[in-house]
Amino acid sequence: LVFNEGYTGDVDLAAEAIRLTRQLAAAIDHPEVAGLLALMLLHH
């Protein structure tokens, strides 16, 4: 949901979502976390 907000105001929520998902991917070994990160990067 954060990623889909995209870019509004002075905060790039798409980039922020990618940053947060990278943190989560580093903290938890789960294929769907990796899948979401891949999806965000490919769309971005």
Full PDB file with SEQRES, HELIX, SHEET, SSBOND, CRYST1, ORIGX, SCALE, CONECT and MASTER records, all heavy atoms in Angstrom:
SEQRES   1 A   44  LEU VAL PHE ASN GLU GLY TYR THR GLY ASP VAL ASP LEU          
SEQRES   2 A   44  ALA ALA GLU ALA ILE ARG LEU THR ARG GLN LEU ALA ALA          
SEQRES   3 A   44  ALA ILE ASP HIS PRO GLU VAL ALA GLY LEU LEU ALA LEU          
SEQRES   4 A   44  MET LEU LEU HIS HIS                                          
HELIX    1 AA1 PHE A    3  GLU A    5  5                                   3    
HELIX    2 AA2 LEU A   13  ALA A   27  1                                  15    
HELIX    3 AA3 PRO A   31  HIS A   43  1                                  13    
CRYST1    1.000    1.000    1.000  90.00  90.00  90.00 P 1           1          
ORIGX1      1.000000  0.000000  0.000000        0.00000                         
ORIGX2      0.000000  1.000000  0.000000        0.00000                         
ORIGX3      0.000000  0.000000  1.000000        0.00000                         
SCALE1      1.000000  0.000000  0.000000        0.00000                         
SCALE2      0.000000  1.000000  0.000000        0.00000                         
SCALE3      0.000000  0.000000  1.000000        0.00000                         
ATOM      1  N   LEU A   1       0.831  -1.204   0.000  1.00  0.00           N  
ATOM      2  CA  LEU A   1       0.000   0.000   0.000  1.00  0.00           C  
ATOM      3  C   LEU A   1       0.865   1.254   0.000  1.00  0.00           C  
ATOM      4  O   LEU A   1       0.564   2.224  -0.713  1.00  0.00           O  
ATOM      5  CB  LEU A   1      -0.919  -0.003   1.224  1.00  0.00           C  
ATOM      6  CG  LEU A   1      -2.079  -0.993   1.218  1.00  0.00           C  
ATOM      7  CD1 LEU A   1      -2.771  -1.016   2.577  1.00  0.00           C  
ATOM      8  CD2 LEU A   1      -3.091  -0.653   0.125  1.00  0.00           C  
ATOM      9  N   VAL A   2       1.942   1.239   0.784  1.00  0.00           N  
ATOM     10  CA  VAL A   2       2.855   2.383   0.789  1.00  0.00           C  
ATOM     11  C   VAL A   2       3.433   2.591  -0.609  1.00  0.00           C  
ATOM     12  O   VAL A   2       3.454   3.709  -1.136  1.00  0.00           O  
ATOM     13  CB  VAL A   2       3.996   2.172   1.805  1.00  0.00           C  
ATOM     14  CG1 VAL A   2       5.009   3.313   1.714  1.00  0.00           C  
ATOM     15  CG2 VAL A   2       3.443   2.079   3.227  1.00  0.00           C  
ATOM     16  N   PHE A   3       3.881   1.519  -1.234  1.00  0.00           N  
ATOM     17  CA  PHE A   3       4.479   1.613  -2.571  1.00  0.00           C  
ATOM     18  C   PHE A   3       3.480   2.174  -3.578  1.00  0.00           C  
ATOM     19  O   PHE A   3       3.826   3.019  -4.416  1.00  0.00           O  
ATOM     20  CB  PHE A   3       4.952   0.236  -3.021  1.00  0.00           C  
ATOM     21  CG  PHE A   3       5.598   0.237  -4.386  1.00  0.00           C  
ATOM     22  CD1 PHE A   3       6.900   0.666  -4.552  1.00  0.00           C  
ATOM     23  CD2 PHE A   3       4.891  -0.192  -5.503  1.00  0.00           C  
ATOM     24  CE1 PHE A   3       7.505   0.676  -5.808  1.00  0.00           C  
ATOM     25  CE2 PHE A   3       5.485  -0.189  -6.757  1.00  0.00           C  
ATOM     26  CZ  PHE A   3       6.791   0.248  -6.908  1.00  0.00           C  
ATOM     27  N   ASN A   4       2.246   1.735  -3.510  1.00  0.00           N  
ATOM     28  CA  ASN A   4       1.250   2.162  -4.495  1.00  0.00           C  
ATOM     29  C   ASN A   4       0.849   3.620  -4.344  1.00  0.00           C  
ATOM     30  O   ASN A   4       0.235   4.186  -5.262  1.00  0.00           O  
ATOM     31  CB  ASN A   4       0.009   1.272  -4.406  1.00  0.00           C  
ATOM     32  CG  ASN A   4       0.228  -0.077  -5.056  1.00  0.00           C  
ATOM     33  OD1 ASN A   4       1.095  -0.224  -5.918  1.00  0.00           O  
ATOM     34  ND2 ASN A   4      -0.518  -1.070  -4.635  1.00  0.00           N  
ATOM     35  N   GLU A   5       1.187   4.223  -3.195  1.00  0.00           N  
ATOM     36  CA  GLU A   5       0.919   5.652  -3.057  1.00  0.00           C  
ATOM     37  C   GLU A   5       1.816   6.464  -3.988  1.00  0.00           C  
ATOM     38  O   GLU A   5       1.495   7.591  -4.332  1.00  0.00           O  
ATOM     39  CB  GLU A   5       1.146   6.094  -1.604  1.00  0.00           C  
ATOM     40  CG  GLU A   5       0.100   5.593  -0.639  1.00  0.00           C  
ATOM     41  CD  GLU A   5      -1.282   6.158  -0.896  1.00  0.00           C  
ATOM     42  OE1 GLU A   5      -1.379   7.288  -1.417  1.00  0.00           O  
ATOM     43  OE2 GLU A   5      -2.265   5.461  -0.595  1.00  0.00           O  
ATOM     44  N   GLY A   6       2.953   5.859  -4.373  1.00  0.00           N  
ATOM     45  CA  GLY A   6       3.835   6.508  -5.341  1.00  0.00           C  
ATOM     46  C   GLY A   6       4.477   7.758  -4.798  1.00  0.00           C  
ATOM     47  O   GLY A   6       4.987   7.795  -3.691  1.00  0.00           O  
ATOM     48  N   TYR A   7       4.432   8.829  -5.573  1.00  0.00           N  
ATOM     49  CA  TYR A   7       5.106  10.061  -5.210  1.00  0.00           C  
ATOM     50  C   TYR A   7       4.082  11.174  -5.038  1.00  0.00           C  
ATOM     51  O   TYR A   7       3.353  11.509  -5.957  1.00  0.00           O  
ATOM     52  CB  TYR A   7       6.112  10.471  -6.283  1.00  0.00           C  
ATOM     53  CG  TYR A   7       6.798  11.785  -5.987  1.00  0.00           C  
ATOM     54  CD1 TYR A   7       7.888  11.828  -5.131  1.00  0.00           C  
ATOM     55  CD2 TYR A   7       6.338  12.975  -6.521  1.00  0.00           C  
ATOM     56  CE1 TYR A   7       8.511  13.026  -4.829  1.00  0.00           C  
ATOM     57  CE2 TYR A   7       6.954  14.179  -6.225  1.00  0.00           C  
ATOM     58  CZ  TYR A   7       8.046  14.196  -5.379  1.00  0.00           C  
ATOM     59  OH  TYR A   7       8.649  15.377  -5.074  1.00  0.00           O  
ATOM     60  N   THR A   8       3.990  11.703  -3.815  1.00  0.00           N  
ATOM     61  CA  THR A   8       3.117  12.840  -3.553  1.00  0.00           C  
ATOM     62  C   THR A   8       3.824  13.734  -2.560  1.00  0.00           C  
ATOM     63  O   THR A   8       4.614  13.288  -1.730  1.00  0.00           O  
ATOM     64  CB  THR A   8       1.765  12.400  -2.953  1.00  0.00           C  
ATOM     65  OG1 THR A   8       2.017  11.554  -1.832  1.00  0.00           O  
ATOM     66  CG2 THR A   8       0.927  11.653  -3.968  1.00  0.00           C  
ATOM     67  N   GLY A   9       3.527  15.034  -2.622  1.00  0.00           N  
ATOM     68  CA  GLY A   9       4.149  15.969  -1.698  1.00  0.00           C  
ATOM     69  C   GLY A   9       5.660  15.936  -1.813  1.00  0.00           C  
ATOM     70  O   GLY A   9       6.226  15.823  -2.894  1.00  0.00           O  
ATOM     71  N   ASP A  10       6.348  16.048  -0.661  1.00  0.00           N  
ATOM     72  CA  ASP A  10       7.822  16.055  -0.682  1.00  0.00           C  
ATOM     73  C   ASP A  10       8.394  14.715  -0.261  1.00  0.00           C  
ATOM     74  O   ASP A  10       9.589  14.599   0.004  1.00  0.00           O  
ATOM     75  CB  ASP A  10       8.366  17.167   0.230  1.00  0.00           C  
ATOM     76  CG  ASP A  10       8.002  16.948   1.695  1.00  0.00           C  
ATOM     77  OD1 ASP A  10       7.191  16.047   1.969  1.00  0.00           O  
ATOM     78  OD2 ASP A  10       8.541  17.671   2.552  1.00  0.00           O  
ATOM     79  N   VAL A  11       7.554  13.686  -0.189  1.00  0.00           N  
ATOM     80  CA  VAL A  11       8.015  12.357   0.211  1.00  0.00           C  
ATOM     81  C   VAL A  11       7.768  11.373  -0.925  1.00  0.00           C  
ATOM     82  O   VAL A  11       6.647  11.246  -1.417  1.00  0.00           O  
ATOM     83  CB  VAL A  11       7.287  11.864   1.479  1.00  0.00           C  
ATOM     84  CG1 VAL A  11       7.764  10.472   1.862  1.00  0.00           C  
ATOM     85  CG2 VAL A  11       7.520  12.832   2.635  1.00  0.00           C  
ATOM     86  N   ASP A  12       8.820  10.713  -1.356  1.00  0.00           N  
ATOM     87  CA  ASP A  12       8.710   9.695  -2.391  1.00  0.00           C  
ATOM     88  C   ASP A  12       8.347   8.383  -1.706  1.00  0.00           C  
ATOM     89  O   ASP A  12       9.213   7.653  -1.234  1.00  0.00           O  
ATOM     90  CB  ASP A  12      10.045   9.587  -3.130  1.00  0.00           C  
ATOM     91  CG  ASP A  12       9.963   8.666  -4.333  1.00  0.00           C  
ATOM     92  OD1 ASP A  12       9.023   7.853  -4.385  1.00  0.00           O  
ATOM     93  OD2 ASP A  12      10.836   8.765  -5.205  1.00  0.00           O  
ATOM     94  N   LEU A  13       7.040   8.084  -1.635  1.00  0.00           N  
ATOM     95  CA  LEU A  13       6.602   6.908  -0.892  1.00  0.00           C  
ATOM     96  C   LEU A  13       6.990   5.612  -1.593  1.00  0.00           C  
ATOM     97  O   LEU A  13       7.179   4.584  -0.932  1.00  0.00           O  
ATOM     98  CB  LEU A  13       5.086   6.963  -0.673  1.00  0.00           C  
ATOM     99  CG  LEU A  13       4.604   8.034   0.307  1.00  0.00           C  
ATOM    100  CD1 LEU A  13       3.088   8.007   0.429  1.00  0.00           C  
ATOM    101  CD2 LEU A  13       5.234   7.845   1.676  1.00  0.00           C  
ATOM    102  N   ALA A  14       7.093   5.626  -2.918  1.00  0.00           N  
ATOM    103  CA  ALA A  14       7.530   4.420  -3.620  1.00  0.00           C  
ATOM    104  C   ALA A  14       8.963   4.066  -3.218  1.00  0.00           C  
ATOM    105  O   ALA A  14       9.273   2.912  -2.897  1.00  0.00           O  
ATOM    106  CB  ALA A  14       7.423   4.614  -5.128  1.00  0.00           C  
ATOM    107  N   ALA A  15       9.836   5.061  -3.224  1.00  0.00           N  
ATOM    108  CA  ALA A  15      11.227   4.823  -2.815  1.00  0.00           C  
ATOM    109  C   ALA A  15      11.299   4.438  -1.345  1.00  0.00           C  
ATOM    110  O   ALA A  15      12.101   3.584  -0.956  1.00  0.00           O  
ATOM    111  CB  ALA A  15      12.073   6.072  -3.091  1.00  0.00           C  
ATOM    112  N   GLU A  16      10.454   5.057  -0.513  1.00  0.00           N  
ATOM    113  CA  GLU A  16      10.447   4.726   0.909  1.00  0.00           C  
ATOM    114  C   GLU A  16       9.996   3.280   1.118  1.00  0.00           C  
ATOM    115  O   GLU A  16      10.554   2.548   1.951  1.00  0.00           O  
ATOM    116  CB  GLU A  16       9.519   5.685   1.660  1.00  0.00           C  
ATOM    117  CG  GLU A  16       9.484   5.480   3.162  1.00  0.00           C  
ATOM    118  CD  GLU A  16      10.809   5.775   3.848  1.00  0.00           C  
ATOM    119  OE1 GLU A  16      11.691   6.424   3.238  1.00  0.00           O  
ATOM    120  OE2 GLU A  16      10.972   5.349   5.007  1.00  0.00           O  
ATOM    121  N   ALA A  17       8.995   2.848   0.352  1.00  0.00           N  
ATOM    122  CA  ALA A  17       8.523   1.461   0.463  1.00  0.00           C  
ATOM    123  C   ALA A  17       9.620   0.483   0.073  1.00  0.00           C  
ATOM    124  O   ALA A  17       9.785  -0.566   0.706  1.00  0.00           O  
ATOM    125  CB  ALA A  17       7.288   1.257  -0.410  1.00  0.00           C  
ATOM    126  N   ILE A  18      10.380   0.813  -0.961  1.00  0.00           N  
ATOM    127  CA  ILE A  18      11.482  -0.060  -1.372  1.00  0.00           C  
ATOM    128  C   ILE A  18      12.533  -0.128  -0.265  1.00  0.00           C  
ATOM    129  O   ILE A  18      13.054  -1.204   0.059  1.00  0.00           O  
ATOM    130  CB  ILE A  18      12.105   0.447  -2.691  1.00  0.00           C  
ATOM    131  CG1 ILE A  18      11.110   0.244  -3.843  1.00  0.00           C  
ATOM    132  CG2 ILE A  18      13.416  -0.275  -2.984  1.00  0.00           C  
ATOM    133  CD1 ILE A  18      11.542   0.869  -5.151  1.00  0.00           C  
ATOM    134  N   ARG A  19      12.843   1.014   0.342  1.00  0.00           N  
ATOM    135  CA  ARG A  19      13.830   1.037   1.436  1.00  0.00           C  
ATOM    136  C   ARG A  19      13.368   0.156   2.597  1.00  0.00           C  
ATOM    137  O   ARG A  19      14.139  -0.643   3.141  1.00  0.00           O  
ATOM    138  CB  ARG A  19      14.048   2.476   1.921  1.00  0.00           C  
ATOM    139  CG  ARG A  19      15.146   2.617   2.955  1.00  0.00           C  
ATOM    140  CD  ARG A  19      15.273   4.066   3.418  1.00  0.00           C  
ATOM    141  NE  ARG A  19      14.182   4.437   4.304  1.00  0.00           N  
ATOM    142  CZ  ARG A  19      14.172   4.187   5.617  1.00  0.00           C  
ATOM    143  NH1 ARG A  19      15.182   3.535   6.170  1.00  0.00           N  
ATOM    144  NH2 ARG A  19      13.160   4.574   6.354  1.00  0.00           N  
ATOM    145  N   LEU A  20      12.100   0.289   2.973  1.00  0.00           N  
ATOM    146  CA  LEU A  20      11.568  -0.498   4.078  1.00  0.00           C  
ATOM    147  C   LEU A  20      11.553  -1.987   3.740  1.00  0.00           C  
ATOM    148  O   LEU A  20      11.865  -2.840   4.579  1.00  0.00           O  
ATOM    149  CB  LEU A  20      10.155  -0.028   4.419  1.00  0.00           C  
ATOM    150  CG  LEU A  20      10.027   1.388   4.994  1.00  0.00           C  
ATOM    151  CD1 LEU A  20       8.548   1.780   5.107  1.00  0.00           C  
ATOM    152  CD2 LEU A  20      10.715   1.505   6.334  1.00  0.00           C  
ATOM    153  N   THR A  21      11.188  -2.310   2.501  1.00  0.00           N  
ATOM    154  CA  THR A  21      11.123  -3.716   2.105  1.00  0.00           C  
ATOM    155  C   THR A  21      12.521  -4.323   2.040  1.00  0.00           C  
ATOM    156  O   THR A  21      12.711  -5.507   2.355  1.00  0.00           O  
ATOM    157  CB  THR A  21      10.399  -3.864   0.759  1.00  0.00           C  
ATOM    158  OG1 THR A  21       9.131  -3.202   0.840  1.00  0.00           O  
ATOM    159  CG2 THR A  21      10.163  -5.328   0.418  1.00  0.00           C  
ATOM    160  N   ARG A  22      13.513  -3.536   1.643  1.00  0.00           N  
ATOM    161  CA  ARG A  22      14.896  -4.030   1.690  1.00  0.00           C  
ATOM    162  C   ARG A  22      15.275  -4.379   3.133  1.00  0.00           C  
ATOM    163  O   ARG A  22      15.937  -5.398   3.381  1.00  0.00           O  
ATOM    164  CB  ARG A  22      15.850  -2.970   1.142  1.00  0.00           C  
ATOM    165  CG  ARG A  22      15.849  -2.807  -0.370  1.00  0.00           C  
ATOM    166  CD  ARG A  22      17.013  -1.914  -0.777  1.00  0.00           C  
ATOM    167  NE  ARG A  22      16.954  -1.515  -2.160  1.00  0.00           N  
ATOM    168  CZ  ARG A  22      17.373  -2.282  -3.177  1.00  0.00           C  
ATOM    169  NH1 ARG A  22      17.849  -3.492  -2.925  1.00  0.00           N  
ATOM    170  NH2 ARG A  22      17.313  -1.843  -4.427  1.00  0.00           N  
ATOM    171  N   GLN A  23      14.892  -3.521   4.077  1.00  0.00           N  
ATOM    172  CA  GLN A  23      15.185  -3.803   5.481  1.00  0.00           C  
ATOM    173  C   GLN A  23      14.525  -5.107   5.916  1.00  0.00           C  
ATOM    174  O   GLN A  23      15.145  -5.945   6.587  1.00  0.00           O  
ATOM    175  CB  GLN A  23      14.672  -2.667   6.367  1.00  0.00           C  
ATOM    176  CG  GLN A  23      15.483  -1.392   6.308  1.00  0.00           C  
ATOM    177  CD  GLN A  23      14.972  -0.352   7.296  1.00  0.00           C  
ATOM    178  OE1 GLN A  23      14.073  -0.631   8.086  1.00  0.00           O  
ATOM    179  NE2 GLN A  23      15.536   0.832   7.244  1.00  0.00           N  
ATOM    180  N   LEU A  24      13.273  -5.281   5.533  1.00  0.00           N  
ATOM    181  CA  LEU A  24      12.549  -6.485   5.922  1.00  0.00           C  
ATOM    182  C   LEU A  24      13.182  -7.719   5.290  1.00  0.00           C  
ATOM    183  O   LEU A  24      13.314  -8.768   5.931  1.00  0.00           O  
ATOM    184  CB  LEU A  24      11.084  -6.367   5.521  1.00  0.00           C  
ATOM    185  CG  LEU A  24      10.164  -7.488   6.002  1.00  0.00           C  
ATOM    186  CD1 LEU A  24      10.135  -7.550   7.517  1.00  0.00           C  
ATOM    187  CD2 LEU A  24       8.755  -7.302   5.453  1.00  0.00           C  
ATOM    188  N   ALA A  25      13.574  -7.603   4.018  1.00  0.00           N  
ATOM    189  CA  ALA A  25      14.202  -8.735   3.332  1.00  0.00           C  
ATOM    190  C   ALA A  25      15.523  -9.129   3.994  1.00  0.00           C  
ATOM    191  O   ALA A  25      15.891 -10.308   4.009  1.00  0.00           O  
ATOM    192  CB  ALA A  25      14.432  -8.390   1.863  1.00  0.00           C  
ATOM    193  N   ALA A  26      16.215  -8.141   4.557  1.00  0.00           N  
ATOM    194  CA  ALA A  26      17.467  -8.444   5.249  1.00  0.00           C  
ATOM    195  C   ALA A  26      17.221  -9.093   6.607  1.00  0.00           C  
ATOM    196  O   ALA A  26      18.091  -9.778   7.140  1.00  0.00           O  
ATOM    197  CB  ALA A  26      18.282  -7.159   5.434  1.00  0.00           C  
ATOM    198  N   ALA A  27      16.011  -8.878   7.151  1.00  0.00           N  
ATOM    199  CA  ALA A  27      15.719  -9.371   8.502  1.00  0.00           C  
ATOM    200  C   ALA A  27      14.989 -10.702   8.507  1.00  0.00           C  
ATOM    201  O   ALA A  27      15.022 -11.414   9.513  1.00  0.00           O  
ATOM    202  CB  ALA A  27      14.891  -8.331   9.264  1.00  0.00           C  
ATOM    203  N   ILE A  28      14.327 -11.050   7.414  1.00  0.00           N  
ATOM    204  CA  ILE A  28      13.513 -12.266   7.404  1.00  0.00           C  
ATOM    205  C   ILE A  28      13.714 -13.002   6.093  1.00  0.00           C  
ATOM    206  O   ILE A  28      13.690 -12.393   5.018  1.00  0.00           O  
ATOM    207  CB  ILE A  28      12.019 -11.926   7.625  1.00  0.00           C  
ATOM    208  CG1 ILE A  28      11.159 -13.193   7.664  1.00  0.00           C  
ATOM    209  CG2 ILE A  28      11.496 -10.950   6.609  1.00  0.00           C  
ATOM    210  CD1 ILE A  28       9.718 -12.942   8.062  1.00  0.00           C  
ATOM    211  N   ASP A  29      13.922 -14.287   6.184  1.00  0.00           N  
ATOM    212  CA  ASP A  29      14.139 -15.125   4.998  1.00  0.00           C  
ATOM    213  C   ASP A  29      12.800 -15.704   4.569  1.00  0.00           C  
ATOM    214  O   ASP A  29      12.360 -16.726   5.089  1.00  0.00           O  
ATOM    215  CB  ASP A  29      15.132 -16.239   5.332  1.00  0.00           C  
ATOM    216  CG  ASP A  29      15.442 -17.109   4.126  1.00  0.00           C  
ATOM    217  OD1 ASP A  29      15.216 -16.649   2.998  1.00  0.00           O  
ATOM    218  OD2 ASP A  29      15.899 -18.252   4.319  1.00  0.00           O  
ATOM    219  N   HIS A  30      12.139 -15.021   3.640  1.00  0.00           N  
ATOM    220  CA  HIS A  30      10.794 -15.422   3.225  1.00  0.00           C  
ATOM    221  C   HIS A  30      10.653 -15.139   1.730  1.00  0.00           C  
ATOM    222  O   HIS A  30      10.890 -14.014   1.280  1.00  0.00           O  
ATOM    223  CB  HIS A  30       9.755 -14.635   4.029  1.00  0.00           C  
ATOM    224  CG  HIS A  30       8.360 -15.168   3.920  1.00  0.00           C  
ATOM    225  ND1 HIS A  30       7.630 -15.119   2.758  1.00  0.00           N  
ATOM    226  CD2 HIS A  30       7.551 -15.763   4.842  1.00  0.00           C  
ATOM    227  CE1 HIS A  30       6.438 -15.648   2.963  1.00  0.00           C  
ATOM    228  NE2 HIS A  30       6.371 -16.054   4.212  1.00  0.00           N  
ATOM    229  N   PRO A  31      10.249 -16.123   0.919  1.00  0.00           N  
ATOM    230  CA  PRO A  31      10.189 -15.905  -0.520  1.00  0.00           C  
ATOM    231  C   PRO A  31       9.205 -14.815  -0.952  1.00  0.00           C  
ATOM    232  O   PRO A  31       9.426 -14.143  -1.962  1.00  0.00           O  
ATOM    233  CB  PRO A  31       9.775 -17.275  -1.076  1.00  0.00           C  
ATOM    234  CG  PRO A  31       9.211 -18.022   0.076  1.00  0.00           C  
ATOM    235  CD  PRO A  31       9.916 -17.516   1.288  1.00  0.00           C  
ATOM    236  N   GLU A  32       8.130 -14.608  -0.194  1.00  0.00           N  
ATOM    237  CA  GLU A  32       7.182 -13.567  -0.574  1.00  0.00           C  
ATOM    238  C   GLU A  32       7.714 -12.166  -0.268  1.00  0.00           C  
ATOM    239  O   GLU A  32       7.359 -11.217  -0.952  1.00  0.00           O  
ATOM    240  CB  GLU A  32       5.836 -13.785   0.121  1.00  0.00           C  
ATOM    241  CG  GLU A  32       4.879 -14.660  -0.651  1.00  0.00           C  
ATOM    242  CD  GLU A  32       4.418 -14.022  -1.953  1.00  0.00           C  
ATOM    243  OE1 GLU A  32       5.173 -14.124  -2.956  1.00  0.00           O  
ATOM    244  OE2 GLU A  32       3.330 -13.455  -1.998  1.00  0.00           O  
ATOM    245  N   VAL A  33       8.563 -12.036   0.747  1.00  0.00           N  
ATOM    246  CA  VAL A  33       9.224 -10.752   0.981  1.00  0.00           C  
ATOM    247  C   VAL A  33      10.123 -10.441  -0.211  1.00  0.00           C  
ATOM    248  O   VAL A  33      10.131  -9.323  -0.735  1.00  0.00           O  
ATOM    249  CB  VAL A  33      10.034 -10.776   2.289  1.00  0.00           C  
ATOM    250  CG1 VAL A  33      10.785  -9.454   2.476  1.00  0.00           C  
ATOM    251  CG2 VAL A  33       9.125 -11.035   3.481  1.00  0.00           C  
ATOM    252  N   ALA A  34      10.875 -11.448  -0.657  1.00  0.00           N  
ATOM    253  CA  ALA A  34      11.711 -11.274  -1.844  1.00  0.00           C  
ATOM    254  C   ALA A  34      10.853 -10.986  -3.067  1.00  0.00           C  
ATOM    255  O   ALA A  34      11.208 -10.151  -3.916  1.00  0.00           O  
ATOM    256  CB  ALA A  34      12.556 -12.528  -2.070  1.00  0.00           C  
ATOM    257  N   GLY A  35       9.712 -11.660  -3.179  1.00  0.00           N  
ATOM    258  CA  GLY A  35       8.824 -11.427  -4.309  1.00  0.00           C  
ATOM    259  C   GLY A  35       8.310 -10.002  -4.344  1.00  0.00           C  
ATOM    260  O   GLY A  35       8.251  -9.377  -5.415  1.00  0.00           O  
ATOM    261  N   LEU A  36       7.940  -9.462  -3.178  1.00  0.00           N  
ATOM    262  CA  LEU A  36       7.461  -8.080  -3.133  1.00  0.00           C  
ATOM    263  C   LEU A  36       8.572  -7.104  -3.486  1.00  0.00           C  
ATOM    264  O   LEU A  36       8.356  -6.143  -4.232  1.00  0.00           O  
ATOM    265  CB  LEU A  36       6.906  -7.764  -1.746  1.00  0.00           C  
ATOM    266  CG  LEU A  36       6.422  -6.318  -1.547  1.00  0.00           C  
ATOM    267  CD1 LEU A  36       5.322  -5.967  -2.540  1.00  0.00           C  
ATOM    268  CD2 LEU A  36       5.948  -6.096  -0.119  1.00  0.00           C  
ATOM    269  N   LEU A  37       9.777  -7.342  -2.971  1.00  0.00           N  
ATOM    270  CA  LEU A  37      10.896  -6.460  -3.305  1.00  0.00           C  
ATOM    271  C   LEU A  37      11.170  -6.490  -4.805  1.00  0.00           C  
ATOM    272  O   LEU A  37      11.369  -5.442  -5.433  1.00  0.00           O  
ATOM    273  CB  LEU A  37      12.146  -6.872  -2.523  1.00  0.00           C  
ATOM    274  CG  LEU A  37      13.408  -6.043  -2.788  1.00  0.00           C  
ATOM    275  CD1 LEU A  37      13.164  -4.571  -2.519  1.00  0.00           C  
ATOM    276  CD2 LEU A  37      14.570  -6.564  -1.929  1.00  0.00           C  
ATOM    277  N   ALA A  38      11.165  -7.684  -5.395  1.00  0.00           N  
ATOM    278  CA  ALA A  38      11.375  -7.790  -6.840  1.00  0.00           C  
ATOM    279  C   ALA A  38      10.289  -7.041  -7.608  1.00  0.00           C  
ATOM    280  O   ALA A  38      10.571  -6.319  -8.579  1.00  0.00           O  
ATOM    281  CB  ALA A  38      11.398  -9.264  -7.248  1.00  0.00           C  
ATOM    282  N   LEU A  39       9.048  -7.197  -7.188  1.00  0.00           N  
ATOM    283  CA  LEU A  39       7.935  -6.517  -7.849  1.00  0.00           C  
ATOM    284  C   LEU A  39       8.112  -5.006  -7.790  1.00  0.00           C  
ATOM    285  O   LEU A  39       7.936  -4.300  -8.802  1.00  0.00           O  
ATOM    286  CB  LEU A  39       6.616  -6.923  -7.182  1.00  0.00           C  
ATOM    287  CG  LEU A  39       5.351  -6.232  -7.683  1.00  0.00           C  
ATOM    288  CD1 LEU A  39       5.089  -6.554  -9.139  1.00  0.00           C  
ATOM    289  CD2 LEU A  39       4.154  -6.625  -6.819  1.00  0.00           C  
ATOM    290  N   MET A  40       8.457  -4.490  -6.617  1.00  0.00           N  
ATOM    291  CA  MET A  40       8.663  -3.047  -6.481  1.00  0.00           C  
ATOM    292  C   MET A  40       9.777  -2.554  -7.395  1.00  0.00           C  
ATOM    293  O   MET A  40       9.639  -1.524  -8.070  1.00  0.00           O  
ATOM    294  CB  MET A  40       8.997  -2.712  -5.027  1.00  0.00           C  
ATOM    295  CG  MET A  40       7.844  -2.852  -4.054  1.00  0.00           C  
ATOM    296  SD  MET A  40       8.398  -2.468  -2.369  1.00  0.00           S  
ATOM    297  CE  MET A  40       6.845  -2.538  -1.468  1.00  0.00           C  
ATOM    298  N   LEU A  41      10.901  -3.271  -7.406  1.00  0.00           N  
ATOM    299  CA  LEU A  41      12.039  -2.836  -8.228  1.00  0.00           C  
ATOM    300  C   LEU A  41      11.687  -2.848  -9.706  1.00  0.00           C  
ATOM    301  O   LEU A  41      12.038  -1.918 -10.449  1.00  0.00           O  
ATOM    302  CB  LEU A  41      13.242  -3.744  -7.968  1.00  0.00           C  
ATOM    303  CG  LEU A  41      13.836  -3.685  -6.553  1.00  0.00           C  
ATOM    304  CD1 LEU A  41      14.928  -4.733  -6.395  1.00  0.00           C  
ATOM    305  CD2 LEU A  41      14.380  -2.299  -6.244  1.00  0.00           C  
ATOM    306  N   LEU A  42      10.978  -3.870 -10.156  1.00  0.00           N  
ATOM    307  CA  LEU A  42      10.623  -3.972 -11.572  1.00  0.00           C  
ATOM    308  C   LEU A  42       9.650  -2.878 -11.980  1.00  0.00           C  
ATOM    309  O   LEU A  42       9.747  -2.322 -13.089  1.00  0.00           O  
ATOM    310  CB  LEU A  42      10.047  -5.358 -11.860  1.00  0.00           C  
ATOM    311  CG  LEU A  42      11.068  -6.496 -11.793  1.00  0.00           C  
ATOM    312  CD1 LEU A  42      10.376  -7.850 -11.690  1.00  0.00           C  
ATOM    313  CD2 LEU A  42      11.987  -6.457 -13.013  1.00  0.00           C  
ATOM    314  N   HIS A  43       8.698  -2.564 -11.118  1.00  0.00           N  
ATOM    315  CA  HIS A  43       7.777  -1.465 -11.427  1.00  0.00           C  
ATOM    316  C   HIS A  43       8.492  -0.117 -11.364  1.00  0.00           C  
ATOM    317  O   HIS A  43       8.283   0.749 -12.216  1.00  0.00           O  
ATOM    318  CB  HIS A  43       6.608  -1.466 -10.450  1.00  0.00           C  
ATOM    319  CG  HIS A  43       5.531  -2.455 -10.795  1.00  0.00           C  
ATOM    320  ND1 HIS A  43       5.078  -2.639 -12.076  1.00  0.00           N  
ATOM    321  CD2 HIS A  43       4.801  -3.300 -10.017  1.00  0.00           C  
ATOM    322  CE1 HIS A  43       4.129  -3.563 -12.088  1.00  0.00           C  
ATOM    323  NE2 HIS A  43       3.954  -3.987 -10.851  1.00  0.00           N  
ATOM    324  N   HIS A  44       9.323   0.051 -10.346  1.00  0.00           N  
ATOM    325  CA  HIS A  44      10.005   1.336 -10.162  1.00  0.00           C  
ATOM    326  C   HIS A  44      10.977   1.609 -11.303  1.00  0.00           C  
ATOM    327  O   HIS A  44      11.246   2.773 -11.624  1.00  0.00           O  
ATOM    328  CB  HIS A  44      10.760   1.317  -8.830  1.00  0.00           C  
ATOM    329  CG  HIS A  44      10.964   2.674  -8.230  1.00  0.00           C  
ATOM    330  ND1 HIS A  44       9.916   3.530  -7.961  1.00  0.00           N  
ATOM    331  CD2 HIS A  44      12.093   3.333  -7.842  1.00  0.00           C  
ATOM    332  CE1 HIS A  44      10.386   4.647  -7.434  1.00  0.00           C  
ATOM    333  NE2 HIS A  44      11.710   4.551  -7.360  1.00  0.00           N  
TER     334      HIS A  44                                                      
MASTER        0    0    0    3    0    0    0    6  333    1    0    4          
END                                                                             
